[in-house]
Amino acid sequence: MEDEYINVTIRYKNQDLDLRFSKRLSLEQLEDLVKKSSLENHLGILEKNWILEISNKPIIIERHRALADYPVGNGDVLEVKFNE
């Protein structure tokens, strides 16, 4: 059961937000959850066209696939990036 959840940090500039959520979520679903719960305000994100990317790992995550499909684990950092 413990492996079904992940503890990560979402980072934007100098703000960090620690979250625990199901590894069954995709990056798209996690972004949606952050937006719907107004957590982007907590981080100080003012623009609407942002996405999450894993930092410090040389992997590309398909945005629609569950994070459980990738080597993402407790303590990893997801950084806020902006679409251009």
C-alpha atoms as a PDB file:
ATOM      1  CA  MET A   1       0.000   0.000   0.000  1.00  0.00           C
ATOM      2  CA  GLU A   2       2.816   2.421   0.837  1.00  0.00           C
ATOM      3  CA  ASP A   3       4.108   2.308  -2.744  1.00  0.00           C
ATOM      4  CA  GLU A   4       0.804   3.605  -4.097  1.00  0.00           C
ATOM      5  CA  TYR A   5       1.551   7.145  -2.904  1.00  0.00           C
ATOM      6  CA  ILE A   6       4.388   9.540  -3.552  1.00  0.00           C
ATOM      7  CA  ASN A   7       5.741  12.517  -1.614  1.00  0.00           C
ATOM      8  CA  VAL A   8       7.149  15.223  -3.889  1.00  0.00           C
ATOM      9  CA  THR A   9       7.955  18.912  -3.822  1.00  0.00           C
ATOM     10  CA  ILE A  10       6.478  21.305  -6.351  1.00  0.00           C
ATOM     11  CA  ARG A  11       8.870  24.216  -6.846  1.00  0.00           C
ATOM     12  CA  TYR A  12       8.286  27.633  -8.369  1.00  0.00           C
ATOM     13  CA  LYS A  13      11.058  30.208  -8.026  1.00  0.00           C
ATOM     14  CA  ASN A  14      11.825  30.301  -4.274  1.00  0.00           C
ATOM     15  CA  GLN A  15       8.544  28.681  -3.164  1.00  0.00           C
ATOM     16  CA  ASP A  16       8.210  24.975  -2.347  1.00  0.00           C
ATOM     17  CA  LEU A  17       5.030  23.013  -1.787  1.00  0.00           C
ATOM     18  CA  ASP A  18       5.230  19.456  -0.423  1.00  0.00           C
ATOM     19  CA  LEU A  19       2.455  17.143  -1.585  1.00  0.00           C
ATOM     20  CA  ARG A  20       1.464  13.506  -1.148  1.00  0.00           C
ATOM     21  CA  PHE A  21      -0.710  11.952  -3.844  1.00  0.00           C
ATOM     22  CA  SER A  22      -1.425   8.724  -5.693  1.00  0.00           C
ATOM     23  CA  LYS A  23       1.209   7.530  -8.165  1.00  0.00           C
ATOM     24  CA  ARG A  24      -1.710   6.663 -10.440  1.00  0.00           C
ATOM     25  CA  LEU A  25      -2.066  10.350 -11.291  1.00  0.00           C
ATOM     26  CA  SER A  26      -0.541  11.697 -14.484  1.00  0.00           C
ATOM     27  CA  LEU A  27       1.245  15.041 -14.681  1.00  0.00           C
ATOM     28  CA  GLU A  28      -1.855  16.452 -16.403  1.00  0.00           C
ATOM     29  CA  GLN A  29      -4.097  15.271 -13.564  1.00  0.00           C
ATOM     30  CA  LEU A  30      -1.715  16.608 -10.923  1.00  0.00           C
ATOM     31  CA  GLU A  31      -1.584  20.020 -12.616  1.00  0.00           C
ATOM     32  CA  ASP A  32      -5.381  20.046 -12.738  1.00  0.00           C
ATOM     33  CA  LEU A  33      -5.564  19.176  -9.035  1.00  0.00           C
ATOM     34  CA  VAL A  34      -3.154  21.987  -8.118  1.00  0.00           C
ATOM     35  CA  LYS A  35      -5.187  24.478 -10.173  1.00  0.00           C
ATOM     36  CA  LYS A  36      -8.589  23.380  -8.837  1.00  0.00           C
ATOM     37  CA  SER A  37      -7.440  23.525  -5.225  1.00  0.00           C
ATOM     38  CA  SER A  38      -5.906  26.999  -5.682  1.00  0.00           C
ATOM     39  CA  LEU A  39      -2.481  25.740  -4.644  1.00  0.00           C
ATOM     40  CA  GLU A  40      -0.989  27.742  -7.512  1.00  0.00           C
ATOM     41  CA  ASN A  41      -1.867  30.861  -5.507  1.00  0.00           C
ATOM     42  CA  HIS A  42       0.141  29.467  -2.571  1.00  0.00           C
ATOM     43  CA  LEU A  43       3.147  29.169  -4.871  1.00  0.00           C
ATOM     44  CA  GLY A  44       2.634  32.651  -6.307  1.00  0.00           C
ATOM     45  CA  ILE A  45       1.957  31.480  -9.865  1.00  0.00           C
ATOM     46  CA  LEU A  46       0.140  34.283 -11.659  1.00  0.00           C
ATOM     47  CA  GLU A  47       0.222  33.004 -15.242  1.00  0.00           C
ATOM     48  CA  LYS A  48      -2.152  30.271 -16.404  1.00  0.00           C
ATOM     49  CA  ASN A  49      -0.066  28.470 -19.039  1.00  0.00           C
ATOM     50  CA  TRP A  50       2.216  26.450 -16.750  1.00  0.00           C
ATOM     51  CA  ILE A  51       3.161  22.775 -16.644  1.00  0.00           C
ATOM     52  CA  LEU A  52       5.120  20.529 -14.277  1.00  0.00           C
ATOM     53  CA  GLU A  53       8.397  18.854 -15.212  1.00  0.00           C
ATOM     54  CA  ILE A  54      10.586  16.582 -13.141  1.00  0.00           C
ATOM     55  CA  SER A  55      13.920  18.155 -12.299  1.00  0.00           C
ATOM     56  CA  ASN A  56      17.336  16.511 -12.036  1.00  0.00           C
ATOM     57  CA  LYS A  57      16.341  13.308 -13.838  1.00  0.00           C
ATOM     58  CA  PRO A  58      17.158  12.586 -17.477  1.00  0.00           C
ATOM     59  CA  ILE A  59      13.716  11.199 -18.308  1.00  0.00           C
ATOM     60  CA  ILE A  60      10.836  12.442 -20.401  1.00  0.00           C
ATOM     61  CA  ILE A  61       7.429  11.797 -18.893  1.00  0.00           C
ATOM     62  CA  GLU A  62       4.418  11.489 -21.160  1.00  0.00           C
ATOM     63  CA  ARG A  63       1.965  13.939 -19.649  1.00  0.00           C
ATOM     64  CA  HIS A  64      -1.037  11.593 -19.859  1.00  0.00           C
ATOM     65  CA  ARG A  65       0.576   8.470 -18.345  1.00  0.00           C
ATOM     66  CA  ALA A  66       0.552   7.570 -14.655  1.00  0.00           C
ATOM     67  CA  LEU A  67       3.648   8.573 -12.691  1.00  0.00           C
ATOM     68  CA  ALA A  68       3.809   4.956 -11.464  1.00  0.00           C
ATOM     69  CA  ASP A  69       5.073   4.075 -14.971  1.00  0.00           C
ATOM     70  CA  TYR A  70       8.252   6.098 -14.391  1.00  0.00           C
ATOM     71  CA  PRO A  71      11.163   6.115 -11.916  1.00  0.00           C
ATOM     72  CA  VAL A  72       9.665   8.948  -9.889  1.00  0.00           C
ATOM     73  CA  GLY A  73       9.945   8.548  -6.140  1.00  0.00           C
ATOM     74  CA  ASN A  74       9.656  10.170  -2.758  1.00  0.00           C
ATOM     75  CA  GLY A  75      11.628  13.381  -2.487  1.00  0.00           C
ATOM     76  CA  ASP A  76      11.634  14.182  -6.191  1.00  0.00           C
ATOM     77  CA  VAL A  77      11.061  17.773  -7.262  1.00  0.00           C
ATOM     78  CA  LEU A  78       8.566  18.873  -9.900  1.00  0.00           C
ATOM     79  CA  GLU A  79       9.326  22.328 -11.261  1.00  0.00           C
ATOM     80  CA  VAL A  80       6.797  24.765 -12.664  1.00  0.00           C
ATOM     81  CA  LYS A  81       7.640  25.667 -16.275  1.00  0.00           C
ATOM     82  CA  PHE A  82       5.779  27.950 -18.645  1.00  0.00           C
ATOM     83  CA  ASN A  83       4.567  27.116 -22.151  1.00  0.00           C
ATOM     84  CA  GLU A  84       5.845  29.608 -24.659  1.00  0.00           C
END
